[in-house]
Amino acid sequence: GADPSGGARLAAKADAGARFVQTQPVYDVAAFAAWLDLVATRGLPERVAILAGVLPPASAAQLQRFSTLPGWAVPDATLARMGGARDQRAEGITLAAEVVEQVRALPGVRGVHLMGLGPDSGVPEVVEAAGLLPRPAPA
């Protein structure tokens, strides 16, 4: 979810010398975009690289648990989408790939932090589905 402090926590991290931050997993892209707009008014995306967290949910039950964690926002429509999927793991991979594509298009996002839980995390599939390969050459 978005930082309720209006970016004060991010500003404090930048003031302390942070060069990048990794967000909690993003499931509510609209709320994340609104937070980015807010922190942009403080000039923070120029001071610290923002890496959007992406964690493919393995099941509707897991996503429901995520929605109860402090700072994690999961829209009802996303919960319903996962719950209605015949293959929930595949739907979680598709969902995560869509989030990658959406957050990478937002001003202020410098990259994504793909997170996985366990050996069957879905991360390699998300990398492929989101078109993240081949890796860009260093500048």
Protein backbone atom coordinates (compact mmCIF):
# COMPACT_ATOMS: atom_id res chain seq x y z
CA GLY A 1 0.00 0.00 0.00
CA ALA A 2 0.85 3.65 -0.13
CA ASP A 3 2.86 5.36 2.58
CA PRO A 4 0.23 7.19 4.66
CA SER A 5 2.85 9.77 5.69
CA GLY A 6 2.69 11.47 2.30
CA GLY A 7 6.20 10.39 1.43
CA ALA A 8 7.79 11.53 4.71
CA ARG A 9 9.27 8.06 5.29
CA LEU A 10 10.75 8.04 1.79
CA ALA A 11 12.11 11.56 2.30
CA ALA A 12 13.76 10.46 5.57
CA LYS A 13 15.37 7.51 3.79
CA ALA A 14 16.66 9.79 1.02
CA ASP A 15 17.97 12.27 3.62
CA ALA A 16 19.81 9.39 5.31
CA GLY A 17 21.58 8.56 2.05
CA ALA A 18 19.43 5.83 0.55
CA ARG A 19 20.10 5.49 -3.17
CA PHE A 20 17.17 3.18 -3.84
CA VAL A 21 14.09 1.78 -2.13
CA GLN A 22 12.13 -1.38 -2.76
CA THR A 23 8.41 -1.09 -2.13
CA GLN A 24 6.07 -3.66 -0.66
CA PRO A 25 4.47 -5.79 -3.38
CA VAL A 26 2.15 -3.74 -5.58
CA TYR A 27 -1.29 -5.18 -6.33
CA ASP A 28 -3.19 -1.87 -6.45
CA VAL A 29 -1.49 -0.05 -9.33
CA ALA A 30 -3.85 2.94 -9.12
CA ALA A 31 -3.04 3.51 -5.43
CA PHE A 32 0.67 3.07 -6.15
CA ALA A 33 0.45 5.61 -9.01
CA ALA A 34 -1.27 8.07 -6.66
CA TRP A 35 1.53 7.58 -4.10
CA LEU A 36 4.14 8.16 -6.82
CA ASP A 37 2.39 11.41 -7.79
CA LEU A 38 2.51 12.48 -4.14
CA VAL A 39 6.21 11.72 -3.67
CA ALA A 40 6.97 13.37 -7.02
CA THR A 41 5.65 16.66 -5.64
CA ARG A 42 8.50 16.43 -3.10
CA GLY A 43 11.07 15.65 -5.82
CA LEU A 44 11.80 12.26 -4.28
CA PRO A 45 11.98 10.11 -7.46
CA GLU A 46 14.94 12.25 -8.56
CA ARG A 47 16.71 11.68 -5.23
CA VAL A 48 16.13 7.97 -4.73
CA ALA A 49 15.47 5.18 -7.22
CA ILE A 50 12.08 3.57 -6.60
CA LEU A 51 11.88 -0.16 -7.36
CA ALA A 52 8.29 -1.42 -7.34
CA GLY A 53 7.83 -4.72 -5.54
CA VAL A 54 6.13 -7.52 -7.48
CA LEU A 55 5.24 -10.84 -5.87
CA PRO A 56 3.25 -13.36 -7.91
CA PRO A 57 0.54 -14.86 -5.68
CA ALA A 58 0.37 -18.64 -5.79
CA SER A 59 -3.32 -18.82 -4.87
CA ALA A 60 -6.37 -16.78 -3.97
CA ALA A 61 -5.95 -17.86 -0.34
CA GLN A 62 -2.37 -16.57 -0.28
CA LEU A 63 -3.43 -13.26 -1.88
CA GLN A 64 -6.20 -12.94 0.72
CA ARG A 65 -3.58 -13.37 3.48
CA PHE A 66 -1.38 -10.74 1.79
CA SER A 67 -4.32 -8.31 1.82
CA THR A 68 -4.37 -8.41 5.63
CA LEU A 69 -0.71 -7.42 6.03
CA PRO A 70 0.05 -3.85 7.14
CA GLY A 71 0.85 -1.67 4.15
CA TRP A 72 -0.28 -4.23 1.55
CA ALA A 73 -3.26 -3.20 -0.58
CA VAL A 74 -5.11 -5.74 -2.71
CA PRO A 75 -8.19 -4.51 -4.58
CA ASP A 76 -11.37 -6.58 -4.21
CA ALA A 77 -11.46 -7.04 -8.00
CA THR A 78 -7.99 -8.62 -7.90
CA LEU A 79 -9.03 -10.96 -5.09
CA ALA A 80 -12.14 -11.93 -7.09
CA ARG A 81 -10.07 -12.47 -10.24
CA MET A 82 -7.70 -14.83 -8.43
CA GLY A 83 -10.58 -16.62 -6.71
CA GLY A 84 -12.35 -17.21 -10.00
CA ALA A 85 -9.34 -18.54 -11.86
CA ARG A 86 -9.32 -22.21 -12.80
CA ASP A 87 -5.48 -22.29 -12.52
CA GLN A 88 -4.67 -19.89 -9.71
CA ARG A 89 -0.89 -20.23 -9.99
CA ALA A 90 -1.01 -19.35 -13.71
CA GLU A 91 -3.36 -16.44 -12.96
CA GLY A 92 -0.95 -15.17 -10.30
CA ILE A 93 1.87 -15.22 -12.86
CA THR A 94 -0.31 -13.36 -15.38
CA LEU A 95 -1.34 -10.85 -12.73
CA ALA A 96 2.27 -10.22 -11.69
CA ALA A 97 3.39 -9.81 -15.32
CA GLU A 98 0.63 -7.24 -15.84
CA VAL A 99 1.71 -5.35 -12.71
CA VAL A 100 5.33 -5.34 -13.96
CA GLU A 101 4.24 -3.83 -17.28
CA GLN A 102 1.96 -1.26 -15.61
CA VAL A 103 4.39 -0.06 -12.93
CA ARG A 104 7.32 0.16 -15.35
CA ALA A 105 5.27 2.67 -17.36
CA LEU A 106 4.76 4.96 -14.36
CA PRO A 107 6.91 8.09 -14.05
CA GLY A 108 9.24 7.77 -11.08
CA VAL A 109 9.66 3.99 -11.23
CA ARG A 110 13.24 2.98 -12.06
CA GLY A 111 12.71 -0.76 -11.97
CA VAL A 112 10.97 -3.68 -10.37
CA HIS A 113 11.95 -5.96 -7.51
CA LEU A 114 10.58 -9.40 -8.36
CA MET A 115 10.04 -11.40 -5.20
CA GLY A 116 9.33 -15.09 -4.90
CA LEU A 117 8.28 -17.39 -2.12
CA GLY A 118 9.74 -20.86 -2.30
CA PRO A 119 11.12 -22.94 -5.16
CA ASP A 120 7.89 -22.73 -7.20
CA SER A 121 7.68 -18.92 -6.93
CA GLY A 122 6.65 -18.22 -10.52
CA VAL A 123 9.34 -15.52 -10.84
CA PRO A 124 11.02 -17.05 -13.94
CA GLU A 125 7.61 -17.24 -15.63
CA VAL A 126 6.85 -13.61 -14.72
CA VAL A 127 10.20 -12.50 -16.17
CA GLU A 128 9.32 -14.21 -19.44
CA ALA A 129 5.64 -13.14 -19.53
CA ALA A 130 6.50 -9.51 -18.77
CA GLY A 131 9.06 -9.39 -21.58
CA LEU A 132 11.99 -8.66 -19.26
CA LEU A 133 14.40 -10.77 -21.32
CA PRO A 134 16.93 -10.27 -22.71
CA ARG A 135 18.40 -8.19 -19.92
CA PRO A 136 19.41 -4.69 -21.00
CA ALA A 137 23.12 -4.09 -21.53
CA PRO A 138 24.79 -1.86 -18.90
CA ALA A 139 25.07 1.78 -19.97
